[in-house]
Amino acid sequence: MLNVSKPETDTLAMRRPLEGRTAIVTGSTSGIGLGIARALAQNGAAVMLNGFGDPVEIETRRATLAEENDVDVAYDNADMSNRDAIHMMVERAVARFGQIDIVINNAGIQHVAPVSEFPVAKWDSILAINLSSAFHLIQATFEPMKGRGYGRIINIASAHGLIASPFKSAYVAAKHGMVGLTKVVALEGAEYGVTSNAICPGYVWTPLVEKQIEDQAKSHNIARDAVIRDIFLKNQPTRRFATVEEMGALAVFLCSDCAASITGTALPIDGGWTAH
């Protein structure tokens, strides 16, 4: 009988699609950023985490990601409102990983107030962290990506990068700016194998959203389910939160070779919110 050996399981078709790639994910110590960082690591990428929080918890998450996925995972506490700190983070990431292939601009903050009462300091902080930080990180990594003929830039915008809501002037302005920046970078990188796309989430189930639900229920003295239905998911036709796993899955696809022709887009994951 002819002895036909089974093919090796670690074939090109079966290997992790981001094996050997390296990534910086800002705002990735929790929530959407952590979900994306986890998805990249699961698919073979080395990852530089960034963000704030309890140092012990951050180290636990970093070590767990590295051990579970057999990839190098680092952490940098760079202040995303500071250009010099961002450039130094890139230098440290390059020193550790050799190069940066993937940039995920996720860091962001929020403040809600009418335009006439919006604190100027809050406006400046939101624009610095939600928009300018993305520009600085892209600027620090773009030319090397072009030189190597591969790069993936993903900006986590928002449904508010496509539409507006009252009392969120700085956030909406920053997220609209993020979508515009995405398109410009896509055009400049198009001939060099560097893609640039924006993911535009609606409400995503995260620990921060969970806390906001509880706070709203207490402050308005209404049931938790009513807060979810009538406040958070009022504009999402699916009536369900998106998940960080969905964010991660889309990010992985956009970073893969299969997405080489997808660039300059703003992709909603908003349960149909922006279809209204």
C-alpha atoms as a PDB file:
ATOM      1  CA  MET A   1       0.000   0.000   0.000  1.00  0.00           C
ATOM      2  CA  LEU A   2       1.230   3.441  -0.908  1.00  0.00           C
ATOM      3  CA  ASN A   3       2.277   5.304   2.221  1.00  0.00           C
ATOM      4  CA  VAL A   4       1.133   8.883   1.904  1.00  0.00           C
ATOM      5  CA  SER A   5       2.236  11.058   4.785  1.00  0.00           C
ATOM      6  CA  LYS A   6      -0.106  13.669   6.191  1.00  0.00           C
ATOM      7  CA  PRO A   7       0.776  17.285   5.418  1.00  0.00           C
ATOM      8  CA  GLU A   8       2.384  19.304   8.161  1.00  0.00           C
ATOM      9  CA  THR A   9      -0.177  21.211  10.187  1.00  0.00           C
ATOM     10  CA  ASP A  10       1.984  24.338  10.223  1.00  0.00           C
ATOM     11  CA  THR A  11       1.491  25.093   6.540  1.00  0.00           C
ATOM     12  CA  LEU A  12       1.247  28.562   5.057  1.00  0.00           C
ATOM     13  CA  ALA A  13      -2.526  28.191   4.760  1.00  0.00           C
ATOM     14  CA  MET A  14      -2.924  27.232   8.411  1.00  0.00           C
ATOM     15  CA  ARG A  15      -0.370  29.458  10.141  1.00  0.00           C
ATOM     16  CA  ARG A  16      -1.414  32.515  12.102  1.00  0.00           C
ATOM     17  CA  PRO A  17      -1.888  35.295   9.523  1.00  0.00           C
ATOM     18  CA  LEU A  18       0.082  37.918  11.480  1.00  0.00           C
ATOM     19  CA  GLU A  19       3.010  35.693  12.426  1.00  0.00           C
ATOM     20  CA  GLY A  20       6.157  37.809  12.531  1.00  0.00           C
ATOM     21  CA  ARG A  21       4.322  41.135  12.446  1.00  0.00           C
ATOM     22  CA  THR A  22       4.679  43.739  15.185  1.00  0.00           C
ATOM     23  CA  ALA A  23       2.113  46.203  16.482  1.00  0.00           C
ATOM     24  CA  ILE A  24       1.594  49.204  18.734  1.00  0.00           C
ATOM     25  CA  VAL A  25      -1.923  49.482  20.166  1.00  0.00           C
ATOM     26  CA  THR A  26      -2.614  52.682  22.090  1.00  0.00           C
ATOM     27  CA  GLY A  27      -5.144  52.755  24.900  1.00  0.00           C
ATOM     28  CA  SER A  28      -4.888  48.980  25.177  1.00  0.00           C
ATOM     29  CA  THR A  29      -4.837  48.258  28.902  1.00  0.00           C
ATOM     30  CA  SER A  30      -8.602  47.642  28.866  1.00  0.00           C
ATOM     31  CA  GLY A  31     -11.717  47.730  26.694  1.00  0.00           C
ATOM     32  CA  ILE A  32     -11.580  47.910  22.908  1.00  0.00           C
ATOM     33  CA  GLY A  33      -7.816  48.417  22.775  1.00  0.00           C
ATOM     34  CA  LEU A  34      -7.129  45.357  24.905  1.00  0.00           C
ATOM     35  CA  GLY A  35      -9.561  43.311  22.816  1.00  0.00           C
ATOM     36  CA  ILE A  36      -7.730  44.305  19.630  1.00  0.00           C
ATOM     37  CA  ALA A  37      -4.320  43.666  21.192  1.00  0.00           C
ATOM     38  CA  ARG A  38      -5.488  40.206  22.254  1.00  0.00           C
ATOM     39  CA  ALA A  39      -6.765  39.411  18.757  1.00  0.00           C
ATOM     40  CA  LEU A  40      -3.481  40.517  17.168  1.00  0.00           C
ATOM     41  CA  ALA A  41      -1.474  38.399  19.626  1.00  0.00           C
ATOM     42  CA  GLN A  42      -3.714  35.385  19.045  1.00  0.00           C
ATOM     43  CA  ASN A  43      -2.939  35.708  15.350  1.00  0.00           C
ATOM     44  CA  GLY A  44       0.814  35.841  15.828  1.00  0.00           C
ATOM     45  CA  ALA A  45       1.728  39.515  16.172  1.00  0.00           C
ATOM     46  CA  ALA A  46       4.099  40.878  18.796  1.00  0.00           C
ATOM     47  CA  VAL A  47       2.338  43.733  20.581  1.00  0.00           C
ATOM     48  CA  MET A  48       3.286  46.888  22.454  1.00  0.00           C
ATOM     49  CA  LEU A  49       0.512  47.752  24.901  1.00  0.00           C
ATOM     50  CA  ASN A  50      -0.031  51.335  26.002  1.00  0.00           C
ATOM     51  CA  GLY A  51      -2.345  53.004  28.457  1.00  0.00           C
ATOM     52  CA  PHE A  52      -2.918  53.673  32.120  1.00  0.00           C
ATOM     53  CA  GLY A  53      -4.213  51.685  35.076  1.00  0.00           C
ATOM     54  CA  ASP A  54      -3.025  49.655  38.012  1.00  0.00           C
ATOM     55  CA  PRO A  55       0.586  48.560  37.290  1.00  0.00           C
ATOM     56  CA  VAL A  56       0.050  45.087  38.759  1.00  0.00           C
ATOM     57  CA  GLU A  57      -3.065  44.482  36.663  1.00  0.00           C
ATOM     58  CA  ILE A  58      -1.336  45.759  33.527  1.00  0.00           C
ATOM     59  CA  GLU A  59       1.639  43.464  34.082  1.00  0.00           C
ATOM     60  CA  THR A  60      -0.695  40.510  34.630  1.00  0.00           C
ATOM     61  CA  ARG A  61      -2.480  41.219  31.352  1.00  0.00           C
ATOM     62  CA  ARG A  62       0.810  41.686  29.505  1.00  0.00           C
ATOM     63  CA  ALA A  63       2.275  38.441  30.829  1.00  0.00           C
ATOM     64  CA  THR A  64      -0.915  36.498  30.149  1.00  0.00           C
ATOM     65  CA  LEU A  65      -1.112  37.704  26.544  1.00  0.00           C
ATOM     66  CA  ALA A  66       2.505  36.740  25.967  1.00  0.00           C
ATOM     67  CA  GLU A  67       2.246  33.300  27.583  1.00  0.00           C
ATOM     68  CA  GLU A  68      -1.093  32.282  26.086  1.00  0.00           C
ATOM     69  CA  ASN A  69      -0.109  33.266  22.541  1.00  0.00           C
ATOM     70  CA  ASP A  70       3.636  32.610  22.540  1.00  0.00           C
ATOM     71  CA  VAL A  71       4.430  36.120  21.311  1.00  0.00           C
ATOM     72  CA  ASP A  72       6.450  39.028  22.656  1.00  0.00           C
ATOM     73  CA  VAL A  73       4.209  41.500  24.484  1.00  0.00           C
ATOM     74  CA  ALA A  74       5.598  44.741  25.924  1.00  0.00           C
ATOM     75  CA  TYR A  75       4.050  47.709  27.724  1.00  0.00           C
ATOM     76  CA  ASP A  76       4.803  51.406  27.473  1.00  0.00           C
ATOM     77  CA  ASN A  77       3.152  54.106  29.579  1.00  0.00           C
ATOM     78  CA  ALA A  78       3.721  56.933  27.088  1.00  0.00           C
ATOM     79  CA  ASP A  79       1.466  59.955  27.590  1.00  0.00           C
ATOM     80  CA  MET A  80      -0.521  60.118  24.357  1.00  0.00           C
ATOM     81  CA  SER A  81      -0.999  63.867  24.703  1.00  0.00           C
ATOM     82  CA  ASN A  82       2.762  64.378  24.401  1.00  0.00           C
ATOM     83  CA  ARG A  83       4.448  64.183  20.987  1.00  0.00           C
ATOM     84  CA  ASP A  84       7.905  63.509  22.392  1.00  0.00           C
ATOM     85  CA  ALA A  85       6.598  60.686  24.587  1.00  0.00           C
ATOM     86  CA  ILE A  86       4.931  59.095  21.553  1.00  0.00           C
ATOM     87  CA  HIS A  87       8.124  59.230  19.503  1.00  0.00           C
ATOM     88  CA  MET A  88      10.121  57.741  22.394  1.00  0.00           C
ATOM     89  CA  MET A  89       7.579  54.913  22.658  1.00  0.00           C
ATOM     90  CA  VAL A  90       8.146  54.152  18.978  1.00  0.00           C
ATOM     91  CA  GLU A  91      11.919  54.137  19.532  1.00  0.00           C
ATOM     92  CA  ARG A  92      11.537  51.683  22.414  1.00  0.00           C
ATOM     93  CA  ALA A  93       9.208  49.479  20.369  1.00  0.00           C
ATOM     94  CA  VAL A  94      11.643  49.392  17.439  1.00  0.00           C
ATOM     95  CA  ALA A  95      14.517  48.582  19.795  1.00  0.00           C
ATOM     96  CA  ARG A  96      12.546  45.653  21.169  1.00  0.00           C
ATOM     97  CA  PHE A  97      10.761  44.326  18.067  1.00  0.00           C
ATOM     98  CA  GLY A  98      13.044  45.494  15.246  1.00  0.00           C
ATOM     99  CA  GLN A  99      10.306  47.343  13.375  1.00  0.00           C
ATOM    100  CA  ILE A 100       6.653  48.397  13.588  1.00  0.00           C
ATOM    101  CA  ASP A 101       4.281  46.917  11.016  1.00  0.00           C
ATOM    102  CA  ILE A 102       0.894  47.731  12.540  1.00  0.00           C
ATOM    103  CA  VAL A 103      -0.371  50.844  14.304  1.00  0.00           C
ATOM    104  CA  ILE A 104      -3.723  50.874  16.099  1.00  0.00           C
ATOM    105  CA  ASN A 105      -4.691  54.364  17.254  1.00  0.00           C
ATOM    106  CA  ASN A 106      -7.269  53.682  19.947  1.00  0.00           C
ATOM    107  CA  ALA A 107      -6.449  56.023  22.850  1.00  0.00           C
ATOM    108  CA  GLY A 108      -9.301  58.355  23.677  1.00  0.00           C
ATOM    109  CA  ILE A 109     -11.121  60.327  26.357  1.00  0.00           C
ATOM    110  CA  GLN A 110     -14.574  61.911  26.542  1.00  0.00           C
ATOM    111  CA  HIS A 111     -16.327  64.880  28.120  1.00  0.00           C
ATOM    112  CA  VAL A 112     -19.963  65.875  27.689  1.00  0.00           C
ATOM    113  CA  ALA A 113     -21.159  69.500  27.937  1.00  0.00           C
ATOM    114  CA  PRO A 114     -22.985  72.106  25.834  1.00  0.00           C
ATOM    115  CA  VAL A 115     -20.749  74.064  23.450  1.00  0.00           C
ATOM    116  CA  SER A 116     -21.265  77.291  25.388  1.00  0.00           C
ATOM    117  CA  GLU A 117     -20.139  75.609  28.625  1.00  0.00           C
ATOM    118  CA  PHE A 118     -17.471  73.264  27.255  1.00  0.00           C
ATOM    119  CA  PRO A 119     -14.220  73.724  29.234  1.00  0.00           C
ATOM    120  CA  VAL A 120     -11.403  74.851  26.975  1.00  0.00           C
ATOM    121  CA  ALA A 121      -8.934  72.595  28.787  1.00  0.00           C
ATOM    122  CA  LYS A 122     -11.180  69.588  28.093  1.00  0.00           C
ATOM    123  CA  TRP A 123     -11.426  70.556  24.413  1.00  0.00           C
ATOM    124  CA  ASP A 124      -7.643  70.763  24.163  1.00  0.00           C
ATOM    125  CA  SER A 125      -7.126  67.432  25.954  1.00  0.00           C
ATOM    126  CA  ILE A 126      -9.667  65.560  23.823  1.00  0.00           C
ATOM    127  CA  LEU A 127      -8.228  66.893  20.562  1.00  0.00           C
ATOM    128  CA  ALA A 128      -4.688  66.079  21.743  1.00  0.00           C
ATOM    129  CA  ILE A 129      -5.398  62.497  22.800  1.00  0.00           C
ATOM    130  CA  ASN A 130      -8.184  61.510  20.404  1.00  0.00           C
ATOM    131  CA  LEU A 131      -6.742  63.043  17.241  1.00  0.00           C
ATOM    132  CA  SER A 132      -3.265  64.576  17.476  1.00  0.00           C
ATOM    133  CA  SER A 133      -1.806  61.454  19.100  1.00  0.00           C
ATOM    134  CA  ALA A 134      -2.823  59.455  16.028  1.00  0.00           C
ATOM    135  CA  PHE A 135      -1.073  61.945  13.766  1.00  0.00           C
ATOM    136  CA  HIS A 136       2.123  61.827  15.843  1.00  0.00           C
ATOM    137  CA  LEU A 137       2.206  58.021  15.957  1.00  0.00           C
ATOM    138  CA  ILE A 138       1.525  57.721  12.233  1.00  0.00           C
ATOM    139  CA  GLN A 139       4.205  60.291  11.443  1.00  0.00           C
ATOM    140  CA  ALA A 140       6.747  58.367  13.532  1.00  0.00           C
ATOM    141  CA  THR A 141       6.072  55.027  11.781  1.00  0.00           C
ATOM    142  CA  PHE A 142       4.846  55.856   8.265  1.00  0.00           C
ATOM    143  CA  GLU A 143       8.077  56.254   6.304  1.00  0.00           C
ATOM    144  CA  PRO A 144       9.640  52.963   7.526  1.00  0.00           C
ATOM    145  CA  MET A 145       6.408  51.165   6.600  1.00  0.00           C
ATOM    146  CA  LYS A 146       6.540  52.660   3.105  1.00  0.00           C
ATOM    147  CA  GLY A 147      10.190  51.680   2.760  1.00  0.00           C
ATOM    148  CA  ARG A 148       9.393  48.034   3.583  1.00  0.00           C
ATOM    149  CA  GLY A 149       6.322  47.904   1.340  1.00  0.00           C
ATOM    150  CA  TYR A 150       3.962  46.868   4.119  1.00  0.00           C
ATOM    151  CA  GLY A 151       2.045  48.700   6.809  1.00  0.00           C
ATOM    152  CA  ARG A 152      -1.352  48.635   8.439  1.00  0.00           C
ATOM    153  CA  ILE A 153      -2.735  51.737  10.145  1.00  0.00           C
ATOM    154  CA  ILE A 154      -6.094  51.392  11.872  1.00  0.00           C
ATOM    155  CA  ASN A 155      -7.688  54.364  13.567  1.00  0.00           C
ATOM    156  CA  ILE A 156     -10.444  53.607  16.052  1.00  0.00           C
ATOM    157  CA  ALA A 157     -12.868  56.406  15.302  1.00  0.00           C
ATOM    158  CA  SER A 158     -16.534  56.094  16.260  1.00  0.00           C
ATOM    159  CA  ALA A 159     -20.031  56.272  14.880  1.00  0.00           C
ATOM    160  CA  HIS A 160     -19.497  59.884  15.957  1.00  0.00           C
ATOM    161  CA  GLY A 161     -16.857  60.128  13.248  1.00  0.00           C
ATOM    162  CA  LEU A 162     -19.741  59.841  10.778  1.00  0.00           C
ATOM    163  CA  ILE A 163     -22.644  61.523  12.579  1.00  0.00           C
ATOM    164  CA  ALA A 164     -23.060  63.908  15.517  1.00  0.00           C
ATOM    165  CA  SER A 165     -24.790  64.017  18.873  1.00  0.00           C
ATOM    166  CA  PRO A 166     -25.395  67.056  21.068  1.00  0.00           C
ATOM    167  CA  PHE A 167     -23.036  67.955  23.920  1.00  0.00           C
ATOM    168  CA  LYS A 168     -20.051  66.067  22.452  1.00  0.00           C
ATOM    169  CA  SER A 169     -18.422  68.830  20.405  1.00  0.00           C
ATOM    170  CA  ALA A 170     -14.786  67.914  21.057  1.00  0.00           C
ATOM    171  CA  TYR A 171     -15.286  64.165  20.716  1.00  0.00           C
ATOM    172  CA  VAL A 172     -17.295  64.474  17.490  1.00  0.00           C
ATOM    173  CA  ALA A 173     -14.797  66.956  16.040  1.00  0.00           C
ATOM    174  CA  ALA A 174     -11.869  64.689  16.909  1.00  0.00           C
ATOM    175  CA  LYS A 175     -13.506  61.562  15.504  1.00  0.00           C
ATOM    176  CA  HIS A 176     -14.505  63.313  12.271  1.00  0.00           C
ATOM    177  CA  GLY A 177     -10.905  64.481  12.063  1.00  0.00           C
ATOM    178  CA  MET A 178      -9.729  60.909  12.591  1.00  0.00           C
ATOM    179  CA  VAL A 179     -11.752  59.759   9.580  1.00  0.00           C
ATOM    180  CA  GLY A 180     -10.282  62.561   7.472  1.00  0.00           C
ATOM    181  CA  LEU A 181      -6.753  61.739   8.606  1.00  0.00           C
ATOM    182  CA  THR A 182      -7.385  58.095   7.723  1.00  0.00           C
ATOM    183  CA  LYS A 183      -8.251  59.014   4.147  1.00  0.00           C
ATOM    184  CA  VAL A 184      -5.225  61.270   3.647  1.00  0.00           C
ATOM    185  CA  VAL A 185      -2.831  58.616   4.964  1.00  0.00           C
ATOM    186  CA  ALA A 186      -4.509  56.010   2.741  1.00  0.00           C
ATOM    187  CA  LEU A 187      -3.852  58.124  -0.343  1.00  0.00           C
ATOM    188  CA  GLU A 188      -0.243  58.803   0.603  1.00  0.00           C
ATOM    189  CA  GLY A 189       0.479  55.151   1.365  1.00  0.00           C
ATOM    190  CA  ALA A 190      -1.478  53.583  -1.494  1.00  0.00           C
ATOM    191  CA  GLU A 191       1.468  52.893  -3.806  1.00  0.00           C
ATOM    192  CA  TYR A 192       3.692  51.586  -1.007  1.00  0.00           C
ATOM    193  CA  GLY A 193       1.676  48.706   0.438  1.00  0.00           C
ATOM    194  CA  VAL A 194       0.522  50.738   3.430  1.00  0.00           C
ATOM    195  CA  THR A 195      -3.205  50.758   4.111  1.00  0.00           C
ATOM    196  CA  SER A 196      -5.100  53.113   6.407  1.00  0.00           C
ATOM    197  CA  ASN A 197      -8.625  52.451   7.636  1.00  0.00           C
ATOM    198  CA  ALA A 198     -10.930  53.624  10.395  1.00  0.00           C
ATOM    199  CA  ILE A 199     -13.164  51.418  12.507  1.00  0.00           C
ATOM    200  CA  CYS A 200     -16.249  53.286  13.711  1.00  0.00           C
ATOM    201  CA  PRO A 201     -17.856  51.522  16.673  1.00  0.00           C
ATOM    202  CA  GLY A 202     -21.216  52.310  18.156  1.00  0.00           C
ATOM    203  CA  TYR A 203     -21.704  51.259  21.754  1.00  0.00           C
ATOM    204  CA  VAL A 204     -19.356  48.416  22.648  1.00  0.00           C
ATOM    205  CA  TRP A 205     -19.647  46.266  25.762  1.00  0.00           C
ATOM    206  CA  THR A 206     -16.676  47.223  27.940  1.00  0.00           C
ATOM    207  CA  PRO A 207     -16.081  47.650  31.687  1.00  0.00           C
ATOM    208  CA  LEU A 208     -16.354  51.423  31.180  1.00  0.00           C
ATOM    209  CA  VAL A 209     -19.795  51.099  29.582  1.00  0.00           C
ATOM    210  CA  GLU A 210     -20.893  48.747  32.358  1.00  0.00           C
ATOM    211  CA  LYS A 211     -19.942  51.397  34.921  1.00  0.00           C
ATOM    212  CA  GLN A 212     -21.769  54.097  32.953  1.00  0.00           C
ATOM    213  CA  ILE A 213     -24.916  51.963  32.899  1.00  0.00           C
ATOM    214  CA  GLU A 214     -24.860  51.544  36.672  1.00  0.00           C
ATOM    215  CA  ASP A 215     -24.175  55.266  37.180  1.00  0.00           C
ATOM    216  CA  GLN A 216     -27.038  56.275  34.872  1.00  0.00           C
ATOM    217  CA  ALA A 217     -29.445  53.881  36.590  1.00  0.00           C
ATOM    218  CA  LYS A 218     -28.609  55.361  39.994  1.00  0.00           C
ATOM    219  CA  SER A 219     -28.641  59.006  38.935  1.00  0.00           C
ATOM    220  CA  HIS A 220     -31.967  58.727  37.060  1.00  0.00           C
ATOM    221  CA  ASN A 221     -33.478  56.156  39.429  1.00  0.00           C
ATOM    222  CA  ILE A 222     -34.490  53.867  36.597  1.00  0.00           C
ATOM    223  CA  ALA A 223     -33.959  50.173  35.961  1.00  0.00           C
ATOM    224  CA  ARG A 224     -30.707  48.962  34.456  1.00  0.00           C
ATOM    225  CA  ASP A 225     -32.528  47.367  31.492  1.00  0.00           C
ATOM    226  CA  ALA A 226     -34.262  50.666  30.782  1.00  0.00           C
ATOM    227  CA  VAL A 227     -30.930  52.485  30.708  1.00  0.00           C
ATOM    228  CA  ILE A 228     -29.578  49.981  28.192  1.00  0.00           C
ATOM    229  CA  ARG A 229     -32.703  50.031  26.011  1.00  0.00           C
ATOM    230  CA  ASP A 230     -33.703  53.694  26.145  1.00  0.00           C
ATOM    231  CA  ILE A 231     -30.333  55.455  26.452  1.00  0.00           C
ATOM    232  CA  PHE A 232     -27.422  53.350  25.262  1.00  0.00           C
ATOM    233  CA  LEU A 233     -29.008  51.242  22.527  1.00  0.00           C
ATOM    234  CA  LYS A 234     -31.745  53.647  21.486  1.00  0.00           C
ATOM    235  CA  ASN A 235     -29.991  54.374  18.176  1.00  0.00           C
ATOM    236  CA  GLN A 236     -28.582  50.884  17.512  1.00  0.00           C
ATOM    237  CA  PRO A 237     -31.260  48.979  15.550  1.00  0.00           C
ATOM    238  CA  THR A 238     -29.825  45.596  16.560  1.00  0.00           C
ATOM    239  CA  ARG A 239     -30.512  46.502  20.214  1.00  0.00           C
ATOM    240  CA  ARG A 240     -27.304  44.810  21.263  1.00  0.00           C
ATOM    241  CA  PHE A 241     -23.852  46.008  22.189  1.00  0.00           C
ATOM    242  CA  ALA A 242     -21.010  45.263  19.823  1.00  0.00           C
ATOM    243  CA  THR A 243     -18.198  43.268  21.432  1.00  0.00           C
ATOM    244  CA  VAL A 244     -14.470  43.809  21.732  1.00  0.00           C
ATOM    245  CA  GLU A 245     -14.041  40.454  19.982  1.00  0.00           C
ATOM    246  CA  GLU A 246     -15.821  41.861  16.933  1.00  0.00           C
ATOM    247  CA  MET A 247     -13.480  44.852  16.966  1.00  0.00           C
ATOM    248  CA  GLY A 248     -10.479  42.541  17.204  1.00  0.00           C
ATOM    249  CA  ALA A 249     -11.666  40.291  14.387  1.00  0.00           C
ATOM    250  CA  LEU A 250     -12.096  43.226  12.002  1.00  0.00           C
ATOM    251  CA  ALA A 251      -8.699  44.634  12.964  1.00  0.00           C
ATOM    252  CA  VAL A 252      -7.022  41.288  12.273  1.00  0.00           C
ATOM    253  CA  PHE A 253      -8.680  41.071   8.869  1.00  0.00           C
ATOM    254  CA  LEU A 254      -7.639  44.615   7.954  1.00  0.00           C
ATOM    255  CA  CYS A 255      -4.058  43.749   8.917  1.00  0.00           C
ATOM    256  CA  SER A 256      -4.022  40.583   6.811  1.00  0.00           C
ATOM    257  CA  ASP A 257      -2.864  40.193   3.226  1.00  0.00           C
ATOM    258  CA  CYS A 258      -6.510  39.592   2.231  1.00  0.00           C
ATOM    259  CA  ALA A 259      -7.268  43.259   2.991  1.00  0.00           C
ATOM    260  CA  ALA A 260      -4.472  44.728   0.848  1.00  0.00           C
ATOM    261  CA  SER A 261      -6.983  46.553  -1.373  1.00  0.00           C
ATOM    262  CA  ILE A 262      -9.085  47.923   1.471  1.00  0.00           C
ATOM    263  CA  THR A 263      -7.825  51.393   2.332  1.00  0.00           C
ATOM    264  CA  GLY A 264      -9.270  54.812   3.045  1.00  0.00           C
ATOM    265  CA  THR A 265     -12.476  53.381   4.471  1.00  0.00           C
ATOM    266  CA  ALA A 266     -14.513  54.138   7.579  1.00  0.00           C
ATOM    267  CA  LEU A 267     -16.116  50.864   8.633  1.00  0.00           C
ATOM    268  CA  PRO A 268     -18.987  51.075  11.127  1.00  0.00           C
ATOM    269  CA  ILE A 269     -19.546  48.365  13.722  1.00  0.00           C
ATOM    270  CA  ASP A 270     -22.595  50.094  15.134  1.00  0.00           C
ATOM    271  CA  GLY A 271     -25.555  47.748  14.807  1.00  0.00           C
ATOM    272  CA  GLY A 272     -27.018  49.888  12.031  1.00  0.00           C
ATOM    273  CA  TRP A 273     -26.842  53.204  13.929  1.00  0.00           C
ATOM    274  CA  THR A 274     -25.416  55.194  11.007  1.00  0.00           C
ATOM    275  CA  ALA A 275     -27.844  53.559   8.548  1.00  0.00           C
ATOM    276  CA  HIS A 276     -30.640  55.823   9.814  1.00  0.00           C
END
